[in-house]
Protein backbone atom coordinates (compact mmCIF):
# COMPACT_ATOMS: atom_id res chain seq x y z
CA MET A 1 -21.32 19.83 21.97
CA PRO A 2 -17.94 18.51 20.71
CA VAL A 3 -16.52 22.01 20.21
CA VAL A 4 -12.74 21.87 20.48
CA ASP A 5 -12.09 25.44 19.31
CA ASN A 6 -14.44 28.40 19.46
CA GLU A 7 -13.07 31.87 18.96
CA ILE A 8 -14.16 35.21 17.56
CA TYR A 9 -11.63 37.43 15.82
CA VAL A 10 -11.95 41.08 14.93
CA ASP A 11 -9.32 42.74 12.78
CA GLY A 12 -6.97 39.78 13.26
CA GLU A 13 -7.20 39.76 17.04
CA ARG A 14 -9.07 37.39 19.31
CA VAL A 15 -11.82 39.26 21.11
CA ALA A 16 -13.84 36.45 22.67
CA THR A 17 -13.79 32.77 23.53
CA PRO A 18 -17.45 31.80 23.91
CA GLY A 19 -18.37 28.88 26.09
CA ASP A 20 -20.89 27.46 23.63
CA LEU A 21 -22.17 28.03 20.12
CA GLU A 22 -25.16 30.10 21.22
CA GLN A 23 -22.78 32.65 22.70
CA THR A 24 -20.67 32.46 19.56
CA PHE A 25 -23.62 33.36 17.36
CA ALA A 26 -24.70 36.18 19.70
CA LEU A 27 -21.23 37.68 19.98
CA LEU A 28 -20.64 37.39 16.25
CA HIS A 29 -23.80 39.37 15.56
CA ARG A 30 -22.74 41.94 18.16
CA HIS A 31 -19.05 42.42 17.32
CA GLY A 32 -18.90 41.31 13.70
CA GLY A 33 -15.51 39.97 12.64
CA MET A 34 -14.95 36.26 12.08
CA ALA A 35 -15.98 33.20 14.05
CA TRP A 36 -13.72 30.17 13.90
CA VAL A 37 -15.49 27.08 15.20
CA GLY A 38 -13.79 23.69 15.37
CA LEU A 39 -15.88 20.53 15.78
CA TYR A 40 -14.57 17.03 16.45
CA ARG A 41 -16.72 14.09 15.34
CA PRO A 42 -20.02 15.90 15.88
CA SER A 43 -23.44 14.27 15.70
CA PRO A 44 -25.86 15.11 12.85
CA GLU A 45 -27.90 17.26 15.23
CA GLU A 46 -24.82 19.26 16.17
CA VAL A 47 -23.84 19.76 12.55
CA GLY A 48 -27.41 20.78 11.82
CA ALA A 49 -27.31 23.48 14.51
CA VAL A 50 -24.18 25.01 12.97
CA ALA A 51 -25.61 24.66 9.46
CA ARG A 52 -28.77 26.52 10.39
CA GLU A 53 -26.91 29.38 12.03
CA PHE A 54 -24.44 29.88 9.19
CA ARG A 55 -26.95 28.93 6.49
CA LEU A 56 -24.87 26.10 5.10
CA HIS A 57 -26.19 24.28 2.05
CA GLU A 58 -28.06 21.10 2.85
CA LEU A 59 -25.91 19.02 0.48
CA ALA A 60 -22.74 20.20 2.21
CA GLU A 61 -24.35 19.46 5.58
CA GLU A 62 -25.22 15.97 4.37
CA ASP A 63 -21.63 15.37 3.24
CA ALA A 64 -20.31 16.54 6.61
CA ASN A 65 -22.59 14.08 8.40
CA LYS A 66 -21.80 11.10 6.19
CA ALA A 67 -18.03 11.60 6.12
CA HIS A 68 -15.99 9.17 3.96
CA GLN A 69 -15.91 11.81 1.23
CA ARG A 70 -13.29 12.15 -1.45
CA PRO A 71 -11.13 15.30 -1.40
CA LYS A 72 -13.05 18.03 -3.19
CA LEU A 73 -13.83 21.73 -3.38
CA GLU A 74 -17.41 22.89 -3.88
CA ARG A 75 -18.98 26.33 -3.79
CA TYR A 76 -22.52 26.91 -2.58
CA GLY A 77 -23.30 30.57 -3.15
CA ASP A 78 -20.88 32.56 -0.98
CA THR A 79 -19.87 29.48 1.06
CA LEU A 80 -16.93 27.27 0.12
CA PHE A 81 -17.01 23.62 1.19
CA THR A 82 -13.64 21.86 1.24
CA VAL A 83 -12.93 18.21 1.99
CA LEU A 84 -9.36 17.15 2.76
CA ARG A 85 -7.83 13.78 3.58
CA PRO A 86 -4.97 14.39 6.03
CA ALA A 87 -2.59 11.54 6.81
CA ARG A 88 -0.08 10.56 9.44
CA TYR A 89 2.56 7.85 9.59
CA VAL A 90 2.43 5.60 12.66
CA GLU A 91 5.97 4.48 13.47
CA GLU A 92 4.94 1.66 15.82
CA THR A 93 2.93 -0.19 13.17
CA GLU A 94 4.59 1.28 10.07
CA LYS A 95 1.15 2.12 8.75
CA VAL A 96 -0.43 5.23 7.26
CA GLU A 97 -3.62 6.45 8.91
CA PHE A 98 -5.94 8.70 6.95
CA GLY A 99 -8.31 11.22 8.45
CA GLU A 100 -11.00 13.45 7.04
CA LEU A 101 -11.47 17.19 7.46
CA HIS A 102 -14.40 19.29 6.28
CA ILE A 103 -14.01 23.05 6.10
CA PHE A 104 -16.82 25.56 5.63
CA THR A 105 -15.67 29.09 4.82
CA GLY A 106 -18.07 31.93 4.25
CA PRO A 107 -18.60 35.60 5.07
CA GLY A 108 -17.43 36.00 8.63
CA PHE A 109 -17.00 32.35 9.63
CA VAL A 110 -14.86 29.25 9.40
CA VAL A 111 -16.24 25.91 10.56
CA THR A 112 -13.96 22.86 10.64
CA VAL A 113 -15.28 19.35 11.18
CA ARG A 114 -12.64 16.76 12.00
CA HIS A 115 -13.29 13.02 11.86
CA ALA A 116 -9.79 12.01 12.99
CA GLU A 117 -6.87 13.22 15.11
CA SER A 118 -5.01 14.85 12.25
CA PRO A 119 -4.40 17.53 11.18
CA ASP A 120 -3.25 19.61 14.12
CA LEU A 121 -5.55 22.62 13.69
CA GLY A 122 -4.44 23.98 17.05
CA LYS A 123 -1.04 24.57 15.49
CA VAL A 124 -2.67 26.44 12.60
CA ARG A 125 -4.66 28.60 14.98
CA ARG A 126 -1.59 29.48 17.09
CA ARG A 127 0.45 30.33 14.02
CA LEU A 128 -2.24 32.64 12.67
CA GLU A 129 -2.80 34.29 16.04
CA HIS A 130 0.89 35.21 16.03
CA ASP A 131 0.39 36.71 12.57
CA PRO A 132 -2.57 39.12 12.95
CA GLN A 133 -1.83 40.73 9.61
CA THR A 134 -2.61 37.47 7.83
CA LEU A 135 -5.51 36.54 10.10
CA ARG A 136 -7.01 39.96 9.35
CA LEU A 137 -7.53 38.80 5.77
CA GLY A 138 -10.42 36.63 6.92
CA PRO A 139 -11.70 33.09 6.23
CA GLU A 140 -9.60 32.68 3.08
CA ALA A 141 -6.44 33.08 5.16
CA VAL A 142 -7.62 30.35 7.53
CA LEU A 143 -8.45 28.01 4.65
CA TYR A 144 -5.05 28.48 3.03
CA ALA A 145 -3.28 27.99 6.37
CA ILE A 146 -5.16 24.72 6.90
CA LEU A 147 -4.25 23.58 3.40
CA ASP A 148 -0.63 24.40 4.16
CA GLN A 149 -0.75 22.40 7.41
CA VAL A 150 -2.30 19.35 5.73
CA VAL A 151 0.32 19.37 2.97
CA ASP A 152 3.13 19.86 5.52
CA GLU A 153 1.89 16.86 7.51
CA TYR A 154 2.24 14.76 4.36
CA ALA A 155 6.06 15.12 4.60
CA PRO A 156 6.52 12.59 7.49
CA VAL A 157 4.23 10.20 5.63
CA VAL A 158 6.38 10.48 2.52
CA ALA A 159 9.52 9.90 4.60
CA GLY A 160 7.98 6.86 6.31
CA LEU A 161 6.88 5.30 3.03
CA GLU A 162 10.29 5.93 1.53
CA ASN A 163 11.93 4.13 4.44
CA ASP A 164 9.53 1.19 4.05
CA ILE A 165 10.35 0.92 0.36
CA ASP A 166 14.09 0.92 1.15
CA GLU A 167 13.51 -1.96 3.57
CA ILE A 168 11.55 -3.85 0.92
CA GLU A 169 14.41 -3.46 -1.56
CA ASP A 170 16.73 -5.05 1.03
CA GLN A 171 14.25 -7.87 1.68
CA LEU A 172 13.95 -8.67 -2.02
CA PHE A 173 17.46 -10.12 -2.24
CA GLU A 174 17.39 -11.78 1.16
CA SER A 175 14.76 -14.33 0.07
CA ASP A 176 12.36 -13.10 2.74
CA PRO A 177 9.07 -15.03 2.27
CA THR A 178 7.02 -12.15 3.73
CA VAL A 179 8.17 -9.56 1.21
CA SER A 180 5.35 -10.22 -1.28
CA ARG A 181 2.69 -9.52 1.31
CA ARG A 182 4.47 -6.39 2.51
CA ILE A 183 4.76 -5.05 -1.04
CA TYR A 184 1.05 -5.62 -1.58
CA GLU A 185 0.07 -3.93 1.70
CA LEU A 186 2.37 -0.99 1.06
CA SER A 187 0.98 -0.63 -2.46
CA ARG A 188 -2.50 -0.30 -1.00
CA GLU A 189 -1.32 2.44 1.34
CA VAL A 190 0.40 4.28 -1.52
CA MET A 191 -2.75 4.07 -3.64
CA ALA A 192 -4.80 5.46 -0.76
CA PHE A 193 -2.24 8.23 -0.41
CA GLN A 194 -2.59 8.96 -4.12
CA ARG A 195 -6.36 9.26 -3.72
CA ALA A 196 -5.78 11.73 -0.90
CA THR A 197 -3.20 13.89 -2.67
CA HIS A 198 -4.03 13.90 -6.39
CA PRO A 199 -7.32 15.84 -6.05
CA LEU A 200 -5.41 18.55 -4.17
CA LEU A 201 -3.82 19.77 -7.39
CA VAL A 202 -7.21 20.27 -9.05
CA MET A 203 -8.56 21.96 -5.91
CA LEU A 204 -5.63 24.37 -5.69
CA ASP A 205 -5.92 25.15 -9.40
CA SER A 206 -9.59 26.01 -8.87
CA LEU A 207 -8.73 28.34 -5.99
CA GLU A 208 -6.10 30.08 -8.10
CA GLN A 209 -8.55 30.56 -10.94
CA GLY A 210 -10.87 32.39 -8.54
CA PHE A 211 -8.26 34.86 -7.33
CA ASP A 212 -9.43 37.75 -9.49
CA ARG A 213 -13.11 36.94 -9.32
CA TYR A 214 -13.22 36.91 -5.51
CA GLY A 215 -10.56 39.58 -4.94
CA VAL A 216 -8.10 37.41 -3.03
CA ASP A 217 -5.29 39.34 -1.36
CA VAL A 218 -1.90 39.28 -3.08
CA GLU A 219 -0.17 37.84 -0.01
CA LEU A 220 -2.67 34.97 0.12
CA ARG A 221 -2.08 34.31 -3.56
CA HIS A 222 1.64 33.87 -2.89
CA ARG A 223 0.93 31.58 0.06
CA LEU A 224 -1.45 29.40 -1.93
CA ARG A 225 1.01 29.08 -4.80
CA ASP A 226 3.64 27.95 -2.28
CA VAL A 227 1.20 25.32 -0.98
CA HIS A 228 0.55 24.29 -4.59
CA ASP A 229 4.28 23.79 -5.22
CA HIS A 230 4.60 21.63 -2.10
CA ALA A 231 1.56 19.58 -3.12
CA ILE A 232 3.05 18.97 -6.58
CA ARG A 233 6.25 17.62 -5.01
CA VAL A 234 4.29 15.34 -2.71
CA VAL A 235 2.21 13.98 -5.60
CA GLU A 236 5.32 13.37 -7.69
CA ARG A 237 6.98 11.48 -4.84
CA VAL A 238 3.89 9.36 -4.26
CA ASP A 239 3.65 8.53 -7.96
CA ALA A 240 7.31 7.51 -7.89
CA PHE A 241 6.59 5.24 -4.90
CA ARG A 242 3.83 3.54 -6.86
CA ALA A 243 6.22 2.89 -9.75
CA LEU A 244 8.93 1.60 -7.40
CA LEU A 245 6.53 -0.82 -5.75
CA GLN A 246 5.34 -2.10 -9.11
CA ASN A 247 8.96 -2.68 -10.11
CA ALA A 248 9.63 -4.38 -6.77
CA LEU A 249 6.67 -6.67 -7.32
CA THR A 250 7.98 -7.55 -10.79
CA VAL A 251 11.48 -8.19 -9.46
CA ASN A 252 10.08 -10.32 -6.66
CA ALA A 253 8.06 -12.38 -9.13
CA THR A 254 11.20 -12.83 -11.25
CA LEU A 255 13.25 -13.92 -8.25
CA VAL A 256 10.56 -16.34 -7.14
CA ALA A 257 10.41 -17.78 -10.66
CA GLN A 258 14.20 -18.17 -10.68
CA MET A 259 14.10 -19.96 -7.35
CA GLN A 260 11.37 -22.24 -8.63
CA ASN A 261 13.35 -22.95 -11.80
CA GLU A 262 16.44 -23.70 -9.74
CA GLU A 263 14.46 -26.02 -7.53
CA THR A 264 12.95 -27.71 -10.57
CA ARG A 265 16.43 -28.12 -12.07
CA ARG A 266 17.71 -29.71 -8.86
CA VAL A 267 14.73 -32.06 -8.74
CA THR A 268 15.26 -32.96 -12.39
CA GLU A 269 18.94 -33.65 -11.83
CA ALA A 270 18.12 -35.79 -8.81
CA SER A 271 15.52 -37.69 -10.83
CA TYR A 272 18.02 -38.17 -13.65
CA LEU A 273 20.67 -39.53 -11.28
CA GLN A 274 18.11 -41.77 -9.67
CA SER A 275 17.03 -43.03 -13.09
CA GLU A 276 20.66 -43.81 -13.99
CA GLN A 277 21.06 -45.77 -10.78
CA VAL A 278 17.87 -47.67 -11.49
CA LYS A 279 19.18 -48.52 -14.98
CA ARG A 280 22.44 -49.90 -13.58
CA ILE A 281 20.69 -51.93 -10.93
CA SER A 282 18.21 -53.28 -13.46
CA SER A 283 21.01 -54.13 -15.90
CA TRP A 284 23.00 -56.12 -13.34
CA ALA A 285 19.82 -57.76 -12.14
CA ALA A 286 19.07 -58.87 -15.72
CA ILE A 287 22.65 -60.13 -16.23
CA LEU A 288 22.50 -62.17 -13.07
CA PHE A 289 19.03 -63.37 -13.91
CA ALA A 290 20.15 -65.38 -16.95
CA PRO A 291 22.54 -67.79 -15.14
CA THR A 292 20.19 -67.89 -12.19
CA LEU A 293 17.38 -69.00 -14.50
CA ILE A 294 19.49 -71.75 -16.03
CA GLY A 295 20.80 -72.89 -12.66
CA THR A 296 17.27 -72.91 -11.28
CA ILE A 297 15.94 -75.03 -14.14
CA TYR A 298 18.64 -77.62 -13.80
CA GLY A 299 18.51 -77.53 -10.08
CA MET A 300 15.02 -79.05 -10.10
CA ASN A 301 14.91 -82.67 -8.93
CA PHE A 302 12.99 -84.15 -11.86
CA ARG A 303 14.04 -87.66 -12.88
CA HIS A 304 13.28 -87.33 -16.57
CA MET A 305 15.53 -84.49 -17.78
CA PRO A 306 17.48 -85.54 -20.88
CA GLU A 307 20.40 -83.20 -20.26
CA LEU A 308 21.12 -84.67 -16.82
CA GLU A 309 22.59 -87.85 -18.29
CA TRP A 310 24.35 -86.08 -21.17
CA VAL A 311 28.13 -85.92 -20.87
CA TYR A 312 28.33 -82.33 -22.11
CA GLY A 313 25.26 -81.10 -20.24
CA TYR A 314 27.11 -79.49 -17.36
CA PRO A 315 29.72 -77.65 -19.45
CA LEU A 316 27.00 -76.52 -21.84
CA ALA A 317 24.94 -75.12 -18.96
CA LEU A 318 27.94 -73.15 -17.69
CA LEU A 319 28.66 -71.91 -21.20
CA ALA A 320 25.05 -70.77 -21.62
CA MET A 321 25.28 -68.84 -18.35
CA VAL A 322 28.47 -67.07 -19.40
CA VAL A 323 27.29 -66.35 -22.94
CA GLY A 324 23.91 -65.03 -21.71
CA GLY A 325 25.60 -62.71 -19.20
CA VAL A 326 28.09 -61.42 -21.79
CA VAL A 327 25.38 -60.78 -24.38
CA LEU A 328 23.22 -58.88 -21.89
CA TYR A 329 26.25 -56.89 -20.72
CA ARG A 330 27.06 -55.90 -24.33
CA VAL A 331 23.46 -54.92 -24.99
CA PHE A 332 23.21 -52.74 -21.87
CA ARG A 333 26.57 -51.12 -22.61
CA ARG A 334 25.44 -50.27 -26.13
CA HIS A 335 22.35 -48.51 -24.69
CA HIS A 336 24.45 -46.71 -22.08
CA TRP A 337 22.79 -48.41 -19.15
CA LEU A 338 26.20 -49.52 -17.88
């Protein structure tokens, strides 16, 4: 049985640490008080054994087995079923890892089902054991302490994401080709973080609305409102991250467009200069072509060419070459080819 924590508390004090769940159930019936059972990635059969003993609703049992649930708060008779999505920031990979925690609280028991390493419920248990006055208040005190721990563990995630966004802002103006992909990946993490944190506000509101109906202790009311305030700040920061990343994506697209426009301008200028060079070369080629054509015609060794025996034939040929070149030069100059 993947039981990581198994304690029985009476009047805020630990009275027993059973070796297995069967002993837990027996001692709970004998001593009364509250059983706090922590399971880590249990099998459906193991969840079923706990569900039968504590008479958990079959729909809640099904959710606990399936996992991959959205954060929510549901009441089945006198049992409260809470789903939380804790998170932790992994420095080595600069990624956010999300876990899943199911909490069953009812008369005389708390059952936690973890599907990931976080949150650190051992820390919650130690803190409450050093505060018997709060632990004496029962399962509600444990639930609120777990909520507080989950929200507190969001703080390093917020700090890590903030640092990543600062790095992205530096990359934007360094022409880093990988920045677009990093913005997209970080946006996905922020959206997942939003899905984990936004439902918390509705859940905490629901718990506050049930204060009077379920006779929640005044001290617990103050503690839950403090958790609510912290959750609001986390949600606001995460929403701000989403807006910053959207702006960063827009700025990056603008910078990329500017770079493309600059590259297009340079290519256009190069093409224009190349075209001007081609015009000059073509113009001089045409100017030289005229005398070459005349010289070529009269350079042929045909015997019957009238101009060959004409006295003025040679000067006229030279004159035609010069006049043709000058005319072409004037024409090309007028059209700004030369």
